[in-house]
């Protein structure tokens, strides 16, 4: 039987509720600084999350809601500049500790590190955003690979970022487990042949996660049980996601 070697984590919505409480607010702050009367409400941002990537999200929003808008510079330059400004505001939110990790994330990652499992990040979030969150809440050096932003041509739901991580780590898909929070993320990981655990959030809880090996509301803490929502739910386990449970999921051939 192949042994579990590595855990690969998405960032936004998986490690922390960065979307609603971080990125959305930072986008609005960037829009305001530039004098645009655009405001992304929680519900509108939920719709925009179907578009992967911050620059792509801005462009889609303008195409749908302000089709006559003409940027003050060339489109790619305008989008890059506005997204860079948004990243500045996002990092300010992170350094103010406004965005904590989701339940169980730090516990599980520390347990995995102590037991010698290899760790990696696979996200469409820009690299500065991903590293800023890790610097404030964990330690970037714990992660052997941090694949982020435009490091691959096609973003999730394409599997490219996961294939990149596997290649960099020299691992086969059946030696890893992935943690995701969205349907697009799950499509990407499954497309790379990776068994995936989904931790839903308010934006993703109604999406289709039938391809996941396990779906939970969060990873859980000793004093904050998680809720097992779907997948190969073990009959005997702790009330949180730990390495013992991950080994069970990894060794269960029916969940591939």
C-alpha atoms as a PDB file:
ATOM      1  CA  UNK A   1       0.000   0.000   0.000  1.00  0.00           C
ATOM      2  CA  UNK A   2       1.266   3.481  -0.910  1.00  0.00           C
ATOM      3  CA  UNK A   3       2.058   5.567   2.160  1.00  0.00           C
ATOM      4  CA  UNK A   4       0.720   9.072   2.632  1.00  0.00           C
ATOM      5  CA  UNK A   5       3.663  11.413   2.009  1.00  0.00           C
ATOM      6  CA  UNK A   6       2.286  14.947   1.703  1.00  0.00           C
ATOM      7  CA  UNK A   7      -0.616  17.312   2.355  1.00  0.00           C
ATOM      8  CA  UNK A   8      -1.405  20.049  -0.163  1.00  0.00           C
ATOM      9  CA  UNK A   9      -3.525  23.036   0.867  1.00  0.00           C
ATOM     10  CA  UNK A  10      -5.519  25.611  -1.006  1.00  0.00           C
ATOM     11  CA  UNK A  11      -5.412  29.014   0.741  1.00  0.00           C
ATOM     12  CA  UNK A  12      -8.451  31.265   0.294  1.00  0.00           C
ATOM     13  CA  UNK A  13     -11.458  29.837   2.105  1.00  0.00           C
ATOM     14  CA  UNK A  14      -9.498  26.733   3.117  1.00  0.00           C
ATOM     15  CA  UNK A  15      -6.819  27.975   5.499  1.00  0.00           C
ATOM     16  CA  UNK A  16      -8.795  31.088   6.459  1.00  0.00           C
ATOM     17  CA  UNK A  17     -12.024  32.884   5.537  1.00  0.00           C
ATOM     18  CA  UNK A  18     -10.006  35.285   3.446  1.00  0.00           C
ATOM     19  CA  UNK A  19     -12.596  35.818   0.745  1.00  0.00           C
ATOM     20  CA  UNK A  20     -15.406  37.540   2.624  1.00  0.00           C
ATOM     21  CA  UNK A  21     -13.336  39.184   5.372  1.00  0.00           C
ATOM     22  CA  UNK A  22     -10.167  39.910   3.440  1.00  0.00           C
ATOM     23  CA  UNK A  23     -10.120  40.002  -0.341  1.00  0.00           C
ATOM     24  CA  UNK A  24     -13.619  41.470  -0.720  1.00  0.00           C
ATOM     25  CA  UNK A  25     -12.862  44.319   1.666  1.00  0.00           C
ATOM     26  CA  UNK A  26      -9.489  44.972   0.024  1.00  0.00           C
ATOM     27  CA  UNK A  27     -11.060  45.132  -3.437  1.00  0.00           C
ATOM     28  CA  UNK A  28     -13.561  47.720  -2.183  1.00  0.00           C
ATOM     29  CA  UNK A  29     -10.795  49.762  -0.560  1.00  0.00           C
ATOM     30  CA  UNK A  30      -8.802  49.745  -3.806  1.00  0.00           C
ATOM     31  CA  UNK A  31     -11.841  50.798  -5.819  1.00  0.00           C
ATOM     32  CA  UNK A  32     -12.523  53.672  -3.414  1.00  0.00           C
ATOM     33  CA  UNK A  33      -8.927  54.910  -3.531  1.00  0.00           C
ATOM     34  CA  UNK A  34      -9.099  55.060  -7.316  1.00  0.00           C
ATOM     35  CA  UNK A  35     -12.385  56.980  -7.189  1.00  0.00           C
ATOM     36  CA  UNK A  36     -14.557  54.198  -8.593  1.00  0.00           C
ATOM     37  CA  UNK A  37     -18.073  53.892  -7.133  1.00  0.00           C
ATOM     38  CA  UNK A  38     -17.958  50.103  -7.292  1.00  0.00           C
ATOM     39  CA  UNK A  39     -18.893  48.118  -4.186  1.00  0.00           C
ATOM     40  CA  UNK A  40     -18.781  44.348  -3.895  1.00  0.00           C
ATOM     41  CA  UNK A  41     -21.359  43.213  -1.348  1.00  0.00           C
ATOM     42  CA  UNK A  42     -21.075  39.804   0.324  1.00  0.00           C
ATOM     43  CA  UNK A  43     -23.708  38.339  -2.006  1.00  0.00           C
ATOM     44  CA  UNK A  44     -22.201  39.856  -5.169  1.00  0.00           C
ATOM     45  CA  UNK A  45     -18.745  38.649  -4.174  1.00  0.00           C
ATOM     46  CA  UNK A  46     -20.144  35.154  -3.768  1.00  0.00           C
ATOM     47  CA  UNK A  47     -21.186  35.296  -7.426  1.00  0.00           C
ATOM     48  CA  UNK A  48     -17.824  36.701  -8.508  1.00  0.00           C
ATOM     49  CA  UNK A  49     -16.016  33.818  -6.809  1.00  0.00           C
ATOM     50  CA  UNK A  50     -17.036  31.630  -9.739  1.00  0.00           C
ATOM     51  CA  UNK A  51     -14.214  33.455 -11.573  1.00  0.00           C
ATOM     52  CA  UNK A  52     -10.746  32.327 -10.506  1.00  0.00           C
ATOM     53  CA  UNK A  53      -8.082  34.989 -10.051  1.00  0.00           C
ATOM     54  CA  UNK A  54      -8.327  38.584  -8.844  1.00  0.00           C
ATOM     55  CA  UNK A  55      -7.523  40.356 -12.123  1.00  0.00           C
ATOM     56  CA  UNK A  56      -9.899  38.048 -13.952  1.00  0.00           C
ATOM     57  CA  UNK A  57     -12.586  38.763 -11.359  1.00  0.00           C
ATOM     58  CA  UNK A  58     -12.302  42.548 -11.855  1.00  0.00           C
ATOM     59  CA  UNK A  59     -12.515  42.191 -15.627  1.00  0.00           C
ATOM     60  CA  UNK A  60     -15.546  39.901 -15.414  1.00  0.00           C
ATOM     61  CA  UNK A  61     -17.293  42.308 -13.026  1.00  0.00           C
ATOM     62  CA  UNK A  62     -16.739  45.230 -15.393  1.00  0.00           C
ATOM     63  CA  UNK A  63     -17.924  43.242 -18.406  1.00  0.00           C
ATOM     64  CA  UNK A  64     -21.124  42.269 -16.582  1.00  0.00           C
ATOM     65  CA  UNK A  65     -21.907  45.434 -14.594  1.00  0.00           C
ATOM     66  CA  UNK A  66     -20.076  48.288 -16.350  1.00  0.00           C
ATOM     67  CA  UNK A  67     -19.758  47.199 -19.996  1.00  0.00           C
ATOM     68  CA  UNK A  68     -19.119  50.751 -21.186  1.00  0.00           C
ATOM     69  CA  UNK A  69     -16.204  51.319 -18.820  1.00  0.00           C
ATOM     70  CA  UNK A  70     -12.971  52.332 -20.516  1.00  0.00           C
ATOM     71  CA  UNK A  71      -9.783  51.980 -18.454  1.00  0.00           C
ATOM     72  CA  UNK A  72      -7.399  54.949 -18.179  1.00  0.00           C
ATOM     73  CA  UNK A  73      -4.611  52.753 -19.583  1.00  0.00           C
ATOM     74  CA  UNK A  74      -4.238  49.533 -21.544  1.00  0.00           C
ATOM     75  CA  UNK A  75      -6.466  46.785 -20.081  1.00  0.00           C
ATOM     76  CA  UNK A  76      -3.753  44.451 -18.818  1.00  0.00           C
ATOM     77  CA  UNK A  77      -1.852  47.348 -17.276  1.00  0.00           C
ATOM     78  CA  UNK A  78      -4.987  48.740 -15.640  1.00  0.00           C
ATOM     79  CA  UNK A  79      -6.009  45.378 -14.181  1.00  0.00           C
ATOM     80  CA  UNK A  80      -2.492  44.656 -12.901  1.00  0.00           C
ATOM     81  CA  UNK A  81      -2.230  48.083 -11.274  1.00  0.00           C
ATOM     82  CA  UNK A  82      -5.646  47.889  -9.595  1.00  0.00           C
ATOM     83  CA  UNK A  83      -4.960  44.354  -8.391  1.00  0.00           C
ATOM     84  CA  UNK A  84      -1.589  45.435  -6.987  1.00  0.00           C
ATOM     85  CA  UNK A  85      -3.346  48.170  -5.000  1.00  0.00           C
ATOM     86  CA  UNK A  86      -5.890  45.658  -3.733  1.00  0.00           C
ATOM     87  CA  UNK A  87      -3.020  43.395  -2.627  1.00  0.00           C
ATOM     88  CA  UNK A  88      -1.556  46.263  -0.595  1.00  0.00           C
ATOM     89  CA  UNK A  89      -4.829  46.669   1.300  1.00  0.00           C
ATOM     90  CA  UNK A  90      -5.172  42.908   1.750  1.00  0.00           C
ATOM     91  CA  UNK A  91      -1.734  42.684   3.335  1.00  0.00           C
ATOM     92  CA  UNK A  92      -2.671  45.496   5.714  1.00  0.00           C
ATOM     93  CA  UNK A  93      -5.679  43.450   6.828  1.00  0.00           C
ATOM     94  CA  UNK A  94      -3.440  40.440   7.381  1.00  0.00           C
ATOM     95  CA  UNK A  95      -0.859  42.321   9.427  1.00  0.00           C
ATOM     96  CA  UNK A  96      -3.640  43.663  11.642  1.00  0.00           C
ATOM     97  CA  UNK A  97      -4.553  40.019  12.435  1.00  0.00           C
ATOM     98  CA  UNK A  98      -8.051  40.621  11.064  1.00  0.00           C
ATOM     99  CA  UNK A  99      -8.136  37.241   9.315  1.00  0.00           C
ATOM    100  CA  UNK A 100      -7.589  34.235  11.628  1.00  0.00           C
ATOM    101  CA  UNK A 101      -7.067  30.653  10.493  1.00  0.00           C
ATOM    102  CA  UNK A 102     -10.112  28.406  10.303  1.00  0.00           C
ATOM    103  CA  UNK A 103     -10.655  25.880  13.132  1.00  0.00           C
ATOM    104  CA  UNK A 104      -8.236  22.964  13.137  1.00  0.00           C
ATOM    105  CA  UNK A 105      -5.905  24.269  10.438  1.00  0.00           C
ATOM    106  CA  UNK A 106      -2.895  25.068  12.618  1.00  0.00           C
ATOM    107  CA  UNK A 107      -3.408  21.974  14.778  1.00  0.00           C
ATOM    108  CA  UNK A 108      -3.448  19.635  11.782  1.00  0.00           C
ATOM    109  CA  UNK A 109      -0.544  21.291   9.966  1.00  0.00           C
ATOM    110  CA  UNK A 110       1.639  21.209  13.092  1.00  0.00           C
ATOM    111  CA  UNK A 111       0.724  17.558  13.667  1.00  0.00           C
ATOM    112  CA  UNK A 112       1.601  16.713  10.069  1.00  0.00           C
ATOM    113  CA  UNK A 113       4.907  18.555  10.275  1.00  0.00           C
ATOM    114  CA  UNK A 114       5.830  16.836  13.535  1.00  0.00           C
ATOM    115  CA  UNK A 115       5.075  13.445  11.986  1.00  0.00           C
ATOM    116  CA  UNK A 116       7.309  14.130   8.990  1.00  0.00           C
ATOM    117  CA  UNK A 117       4.674  14.698   6.326  1.00  0.00           C
ATOM    118  CA  UNK A 118       5.653  17.081   3.550  1.00  0.00           C
ATOM    119  CA  UNK A 119       3.534  20.212   3.087  1.00  0.00           C
ATOM    120  CA  UNK A 120       2.684  22.354   0.060  1.00  0.00           C
ATOM    121  CA  UNK A 121       0.409  25.184  -1.054  1.00  0.00           C
ATOM    122  CA  UNK A 122      -1.553  25.259  -4.327  1.00  0.00           C
ATOM    123  CA  UNK A 123      -3.587  28.430  -4.815  1.00  0.00           C
ATOM    124  CA  UNK A 124      -4.763  30.888  -7.441  1.00  0.00           C
ATOM    125  CA  UNK A 125      -4.176  33.675  -4.921  1.00  0.00           C
ATOM    126  CA  UNK A 126      -1.270  35.989  -5.729  1.00  0.00           C
ATOM    127  CA  UNK A 127       2.026  34.865  -4.180  1.00  0.00           C
ATOM    128  CA  UNK A 128       2.390  37.955  -1.928  1.00  0.00           C
ATOM    129  CA  UNK A 129      -1.110  37.348  -0.552  1.00  0.00           C
ATOM    130  CA  UNK A 130      -0.470  33.676   0.132  1.00  0.00           C
ATOM    131  CA  UNK A 131       2.886  34.271   1.816  1.00  0.00           C
ATOM    132  CA  UNK A 132       1.511  37.170   3.860  1.00  0.00           C
ATOM    133  CA  UNK A 133      -1.159  34.929   5.374  1.00  0.00           C
ATOM    134  CA  UNK A 134       1.407  32.203   6.094  1.00  0.00           C
ATOM    135  CA  UNK A 135       3.784  34.715   7.687  1.00  0.00           C
ATOM    136  CA  UNK A 136       1.077  36.004  10.015  1.00  0.00           C
ATOM    137  CA  UNK A 137      -0.481  32.681  11.002  1.00  0.00           C
ATOM    138  CA  UNK A 138       1.936  29.781  10.359  1.00  0.00           C
ATOM    139  CA  UNK A 139       5.455  29.715   8.858  1.00  0.00           C
ATOM    140  CA  UNK A 140       6.123  29.804   5.105  1.00  0.00           C
ATOM    141  CA  UNK A 141       9.222  27.653   5.658  1.00  0.00           C
ATOM    142  CA  UNK A 142       7.023  24.741   6.714  1.00  0.00           C
ATOM    143  CA  UNK A 143       5.847  24.441   3.098  1.00  0.00           C
ATOM    144  CA  UNK A 144       8.180  22.794   0.631  1.00  0.00           C
ATOM    145  CA  UNK A 145       6.369  24.313  -2.357  1.00  0.00           C
ATOM    146  CA  UNK A 146       4.192  27.438  -2.464  1.00  0.00           C
ATOM    147  CA  UNK A 147       2.549  27.440  -5.888  1.00  0.00           C
ATOM    148  CA  UNK A 148       0.513  30.619  -6.252  1.00  0.00           C
ATOM    149  CA  UNK A 149      -0.921  33.162  -8.651  1.00  0.00           C
ATOM    150  CA  UNK A 150       0.238  33.041 -12.261  1.00  0.00           C
ATOM    151  CA  UNK A 151       2.871  30.363 -11.768  1.00  0.00           C
ATOM    152  CA  UNK A 152       0.963  28.206 -14.284  1.00  0.00           C
ATOM    153  CA  UNK A 153      -0.886  29.421 -17.419  1.00  0.00           C
ATOM    154  CA  UNK A 154      -4.326  28.034 -16.531  1.00  0.00           C
ATOM    155  CA  UNK A 155      -5.844  28.643 -13.103  1.00  0.00           C
ATOM    156  CA  UNK A 156      -8.304  26.411 -11.267  1.00  0.00           C
ATOM    157  CA  UNK A 157     -10.507  24.593 -12.252  1.00  0.00           C
ATOM    158  CA  UNK A 158      -7.656  23.497 -14.531  1.00  0.00           C
ATOM    159  CA  UNK A 159      -5.397  20.977 -12.739  1.00  0.00           C
ATOM    160  CA  UNK A 160      -2.177  22.791 -13.736  1.00  0.00           C
ATOM    161  CA  UNK A 161      -1.235  24.138 -10.292  1.00  0.00           C
ATOM    162  CA  UNK A 162      -1.591  20.687  -8.709  1.00  0.00           C
ATOM    163  CA  UNK A 163       0.400  19.041 -11.477  1.00  0.00           C
ATOM    164  CA  UNK A 164       3.071  21.693 -10.892  1.00  0.00           C
ATOM    165  CA  UNK A 165       3.227  20.898  -7.157  1.00  0.00           C
ATOM    166  CA  UNK A 166       3.442  17.152  -7.773  1.00  0.00           C
ATOM    167  CA  UNK A 167       6.246  17.687 -10.266  1.00  0.00           C
ATOM    168  CA  UNK A 168       8.195  19.980  -7.930  1.00  0.00           C
ATOM    169  CA  UNK A 169       7.852  17.545  -5.019  1.00  0.00           C
ATOM    170  CA  UNK A 170       8.580  14.483  -7.127  1.00  0.00           C
ATOM    171  CA  UNK A 171       5.476  12.743  -5.832  1.00  0.00           C
ATOM    172  CA  UNK A 172       2.673  10.720  -7.386  1.00  0.00           C
ATOM    173  CA  UNK A 173      -0.925  11.799  -6.868  1.00  0.00           C
ATOM    174  CA  UNK A 174      -1.685   8.718  -4.761  1.00  0.00           C
ATOM    175  CA  UNK A 175       0.954   9.768  -2.224  1.00  0.00           C
ATOM    176  CA  UNK A 176      -0.879  13.002  -1.331  1.00  0.00           C
ATOM    177  CA  UNK A 177      -4.087  14.415   0.093  1.00  0.00           C
ATOM    178  CA  UNK A 178      -5.500  17.816  -0.828  1.00  0.00           C
ATOM    179  CA  UNK A 179      -7.595  20.294   1.168  1.00  0.00           C
ATOM    180  CA  UNK A 180      -9.953  22.510  -0.811  1.00  0.00           C
ATOM    181  CA  UNK A 181     -13.079  24.563  -0.138  1.00  0.00           C
ATOM    182  CA  UNK A 182     -14.731  25.101  -3.541  1.00  0.00           C
ATOM    183  CA  UNK A 183     -16.082  23.218  -6.544  1.00  0.00           C
ATOM    184  CA  UNK A 184     -13.492  24.811  -8.840  1.00  0.00           C
ATOM    185  CA  UNK A 185     -10.731  23.819  -6.458  1.00  0.00           C
ATOM    186  CA  UNK A 186     -12.068  20.276  -6.250  1.00  0.00           C
ATOM    187  CA  UNK A 187     -12.228  20.071 -10.049  1.00  0.00           C
ATOM    188  CA  UNK A 188      -8.576  21.107 -10.199  1.00  0.00           C
ATOM    189  CA  UNK A 189      -7.356  18.584  -7.645  1.00  0.00           C
ATOM    190  CA  UNK A 190      -9.462  15.712  -8.972  1.00  0.00           C
ATOM    191  CA  UNK A 191      -8.244  16.588 -12.470  1.00  0.00           C
ATOM    192  CA  UNK A 192      -4.712  15.945 -11.228  1.00  0.00           C
ATOM    193  CA  UNK A 193      -5.781  12.603  -9.755  1.00  0.00           C
ATOM    194  CA  UNK A 194      -5.604  13.791  -6.146  1.00  0.00           C
ATOM    195  CA  UNK A 195      -7.842  12.561  -3.370  1.00  0.00           C
ATOM    196  CA  UNK A 196      -9.436  15.630  -1.798  1.00  0.00           C
ATOM    197  CA  UNK A 197     -10.994  16.700   1.496  1.00  0.00           C
ATOM    198  CA  UNK A 198     -13.330  19.685   1.291  1.00  0.00           C
ATOM    199  CA  UNK A 199     -13.909  22.137   4.138  1.00  0.00           C
ATOM    200  CA  UNK A 200     -16.949  24.159   3.106  1.00  0.00           C
ATOM    201  CA  UNK A 201     -17.628  27.787   3.967  1.00  0.00           C
ATOM    202  CA  UNK A 202     -20.643  30.068   3.587  1.00  0.00           C
ATOM    203  CA  UNK A 203     -19.806  30.784  -0.046  1.00  0.00           C
ATOM    204  CA  UNK A 204     -19.314  27.148  -1.069  1.00  0.00           C
ATOM    205  CA  UNK A 205     -21.567  25.067   1.202  1.00  0.00           C
ATOM    206  CA  UNK A 206     -24.160  24.414  -1.530  1.00  0.00           C
ATOM    207  CA  UNK A 207     -21.715  23.431  -4.271  1.00  0.00           C
ATOM    208  CA  UNK A 208     -21.310  19.913  -5.668  1.00  0.00           C
ATOM    209  CA  UNK A 209     -18.661  18.027  -3.716  1.00  0.00           C
ATOM    210  CA  UNK A 210     -19.696  14.488  -4.662  1.00  0.00           C
ATOM    211  CA  UNK A 211     -16.179  13.806  -5.977  1.00  0.00           C
ATOM    212  CA  UNK A 212     -14.535  14.585  -2.608  1.00  0.00           C
ATOM    213  CA  UNK A 213     -13.435  11.777  -0.331  1.00  0.00           C
ATOM    214  CA  UNK A 214     -14.721  13.732   2.692  1.00  0.00           C
ATOM    215  CA  UNK A 215     -16.685  16.944   3.224  1.00  0.00           C
ATOM    216  CA  UNK A 216     -16.627  18.755   6.589  1.00  0.00           C
ATOM    217  CA  UNK A 217     -17.682  22.186   7.820  1.00  0.00           C
ATOM    218  CA  UNK A 218     -14.143  22.743   9.177  1.00  0.00           C
ATOM    219  CA  UNK A 219     -11.253  20.606  10.409  1.00  0.00           C
ATOM    220  CA  UNK A 220     -12.309  20.839  14.058  1.00  0.00           C
ATOM    221  CA  UNK A 221     -10.566  21.284  17.368  1.00  0.00           C
ATOM    222  CA  UNK A 222     -10.544  19.158  20.487  1.00  0.00           C
ATOM    223  CA  UNK A 223     -13.131  21.497  22.013  1.00  0.00           C
ATOM    224  CA  UNK A 224     -14.866  22.401  18.725  1.00  0.00           C
ATOM    225  CA  UNK A 225     -16.110  19.276  16.915  1.00  0.00           C
ATOM    226  CA  UNK A 226     -16.367  19.369  13.152  1.00  0.00           C
ATOM    227  CA  UNK A 227     -19.435  18.196  11.283  1.00  0.00           C
ATOM    228  CA  UNK A 228     -18.992  15.340   8.816  1.00  0.00           C
ATOM    229  CA  UNK A 229     -21.233  16.320   5.909  1.00  0.00           C
ATOM    230  CA  UNK A 230     -20.541  13.789   3.129  1.00  0.00           C
ATOM    231  CA  UNK A 231     -18.050  11.330   1.715  1.00  0.00           C
ATOM    232  CA  UNK A 232     -16.439   8.281   3.263  1.00  0.00           C
ATOM    233  CA  UNK A 233     -17.251   9.121   6.856  1.00  0.00           C
ATOM    234  CA  UNK A 234     -15.418   6.684   9.141  1.00  0.00           C
ATOM    235  CA  UNK A 235     -17.462   4.823  11.725  1.00  0.00           C
ATOM    236  CA  UNK A 236     -14.901   5.318  14.476  1.00  0.00           C
ATOM    237  CA  UNK A 237     -12.872   8.496  14.647  1.00  0.00           C
ATOM    238  CA  UNK A 238     -12.246  11.592  16.695  1.00  0.00           C
ATOM    239  CA  UNK A 239     -14.677  14.471  16.268  1.00  0.00           C
ATOM    240  CA  UNK A 240     -12.076  16.417  14.302  1.00  0.00           C
ATOM    241  CA  UNK A 241      -9.804  15.756  11.322  1.00  0.00           C
ATOM    242  CA  UNK A 242      -6.447  14.359  12.445  1.00  0.00           C
ATOM    243  CA  UNK A 243      -3.651  12.301  10.907  1.00  0.00           C
ATOM    244  CA  UNK A 244      -5.253   9.022  11.953  1.00  0.00           C
ATOM    245  CA  UNK A 245      -8.351   9.952   9.947  1.00  0.00           C
ATOM    246  CA  UNK A 246      -6.229  11.088   6.999  1.00  0.00           C
ATOM    247  CA  UNK A 247      -4.424   7.757   6.951  1.00  0.00           C
ATOM    248  CA  UNK A 248      -7.807   5.988   6.848  1.00  0.00           C
ATOM    249  CA  UNK A 249      -9.023   8.146   3.983  1.00  0.00           C
ATOM    250  CA  UNK A 250      -5.783   7.748   2.082  1.00  0.00           C
ATOM    251  CA  UNK A 251      -5.769   3.969   2.406  1.00  0.00           C
ATOM    252  CA  UNK A 252      -9.453   3.617   1.433  1.00  0.00           C
ATOM    253  CA  UNK A 253      -9.361   2.618  -2.231  1.00  0.00           C
ATOM    254  CA  UNK A 254     -13.110   3.248  -2.587  1.00  0.00           C
ATOM    255  CA  UNK A 255     -12.570   6.983  -2.159  1.00  0.00           C
ATOM    256  CA  UNK A 256     -10.342   7.388  -5.173  1.00  0.00           C
END
